[in-house]
Protein backbone atom coordinates (compact mmCIF):
# COMPACT_ATOMS: atom_id res chain seq x y z
CA MET A 1 -11.29 22.49 -13.06
CA GLN A 2 -9.78 19.15 -12.01
CA LYS A 3 -12.14 16.33 -11.48
CA PRO A 4 -11.90 15.00 -7.76
CA THR A 5 -10.38 11.60 -7.84
CA ASN A 6 -10.76 8.52 -5.51
CA ASN A 7 -7.73 6.66 -6.03
CA ALA A 8 -7.51 5.91 -2.20
CA ALA A 9 -10.75 4.26 -2.21
CA VAL A 10 -9.39 1.60 -4.72
CA GLU A 11 -6.31 1.02 -2.64
CA ILE A 12 -8.64 0.71 0.33
CA SER A 13 -10.98 -1.71 -1.31
CA THR A 14 -8.17 -3.99 -2.50
CA LEU A 15 -6.81 -3.88 1.17
CA VAL A 16 -10.43 -4.62 2.63
CA MET A 17 -11.24 -7.42 0.15
CA LEU A 18 -7.50 -9.27 -0.35
CA SER A 19 -6.24 -8.98 3.23
CA PRO A 20 -8.57 -11.57 4.77
CA LEU A 21 -8.07 -14.08 1.99
CA VAL A 22 -4.15 -13.67 2.55
CA ILE A 23 -4.48 -13.84 6.29
CA ALA A 24 -6.72 -16.93 5.98
CA SER A 25 -4.15 -18.61 3.62
CA ARG A 26 -1.13 -17.93 6.00
CA MET A 27 -2.86 -18.90 9.15
CA THR A 28 -4.08 -22.13 7.62
CA GLU A 29 -0.51 -23.12 6.62
CA PHE A 30 0.93 -21.93 10.05
CA TRP A 31 -1.73 -24.29 11.68
CA LEU A 32 -1.11 -27.42 9.56
CA THR A 33 2.58 -26.93 9.98
CA ALA A 34 2.77 -25.68 13.65
CA ALA A 35 3.97 -29.25 15.04
CA SER A 36 6.83 -29.44 12.37
CA PRO A 37 7.55 -26.37 10.34
CA THR A 38 8.58 -27.09 6.90
CA ALA A 39 11.31 -25.20 5.21
CA LYS A 40 8.42 -23.55 3.16
CA SER A 41 6.45 -22.33 5.99
CA ARG A 42 9.63 -20.82 7.79
CA ARG A 43 10.23 -18.86 4.52
CA GLU A 44 6.69 -17.65 4.09
CA THR A 45 7.04 -16.55 7.99
CA VAL A 46 10.13 -14.35 7.34
CA ARG A 47 8.60 -13.04 4.00
CA MET A 48 5.55 -12.10 5.80
CA VAL A 49 7.57 -9.95 8.34
CA THR A 50 10.30 -8.55 5.95
CA GLU A 51 7.70 -7.48 3.40
CA LYS A 52 5.72 -5.64 6.13
CA MET A 53 8.82 -3.82 7.00
CA GLN A 54 9.53 -2.93 3.54
CA ALA A 55 6.01 -1.59 2.85
CA VAL A 56 6.33 0.63 5.65
CA GLY A 57 9.45 2.22 4.31
CA GLU A 58 8.00 2.38 0.82
CA SER A 59 5.02 4.03 2.17
CA ALA A 60 6.82 6.57 4.13
CA MET A 61 9.16 7.42 1.32
CA ALA A 62 5.97 7.75 -1.13
CA VAL A 63 4.17 10.09 1.15
CA ASN A 64 6.97 12.24 1.66
CA MET A 65 7.44 12.39 -2.03
CA ALA A 66 3.76 13.06 -2.78
CA VAL A 67 3.92 16.08 -0.13
CA THR A 68 7.02 17.48 -1.65
CA GLY A 69 5.59 17.30 -5.24
CA LEU A 70 2.31 19.03 -3.95
CA ALA A 71 4.29 21.71 -2.05
CA ILE A 72 6.44 22.35 -5.29
CA GLN A 73 3.27 22.72 -7.31
CA SER A 74 1.80 24.98 -4.65
CA ALA A 75 5.30 27.11 -4.82
CA ALA A 76 5.11 27.25 -8.39
CA ALA A 77 1.46 28.26 -8.30
CA ALA A 78 2.11 30.96 -6.05
CA ALA A 79 5.17 32.13 -7.94
CA THR A 80 3.23 32.44 -11.29
CA GLY A 81 0.05 33.82 -9.48
CA THR A 82 -2.14 31.05 -10.46
CA VAL A 83 -4.88 29.31 -8.42
CA ARG A 84 -4.12 25.57 -7.55
CA GLN A 85 -7.00 23.38 -7.00
CA THR A 86 -5.99 21.54 -3.82
CA HIS A 87 -9.23 19.22 -3.46
CA ASN A 88 -7.10 15.93 -4.42
CA ASP A 89 -4.20 16.38 -2.41
CA VAL A 90 -5.53 14.27 0.55
CA ASP A 91 -6.11 11.59 -2.13
CA THR A 92 -3.10 12.09 -3.69
CA ILE A 93 -0.90 11.72 -0.16
CA LEU A 94 -3.26 8.54 1.01
CA THR A 95 -3.22 6.79 -2.30
CA ALA A 96 0.73 6.94 -1.96
CA ALA A 97 0.75 5.83 1.51
CA LEU A 98 -1.69 2.80 0.76
CA LYS A 99 0.00 1.56 -2.63
CA PRO A 100 2.71 -0.33 -1.36
CA TYR A 101 0.43 -2.11 0.99
CA SER A 102 -2.25 -2.92 -1.70
CA SER A 103 0.54 -4.01 -4.23
CA ARG A 104 1.67 -6.53 -1.70
CA VAL A 105 -1.63 -7.95 -0.81
CA THR A 106 -2.67 -8.47 -4.27
CA ALA A 107 0.81 -9.88 -5.03
CA ASN A 108 0.60 -12.38 -2.06
CA ARG A 109 -3.05 -13.36 -2.93
CA LYS A 110 -2.12 -14.35 -6.51
CA ARG A 111 1.20 -16.35 -4.94
CA LEU A 112 -0.88 -17.91 -2.35
CA SER A 113 -3.96 -18.93 -4.06
CA THR A 114 -1.93 -21.25 -6.40
């Protein structure tokens, strides 16, 4: 029997812990440069919006790939007459959905803290 995993919990924890720090860093820079935006603050604004759009696309693709992979595993199990353990399926899909966001938040936290 396969042991249940909580990989989605790791991704959620990363988002919960690091997102406020990234938001605070960006908002501080926005407020400090609001009167006369610098080239750096303009690039950061564009980057912030662009990476969110990219993360949405990557997340959708990752969910589709995870669901397809699980469907193939289920079909193979049915074809061979074996029982497939499904207790990790939701975790697999949720982890795939959250990974693009948590990896960006982690990278942003490192980049903005310097």
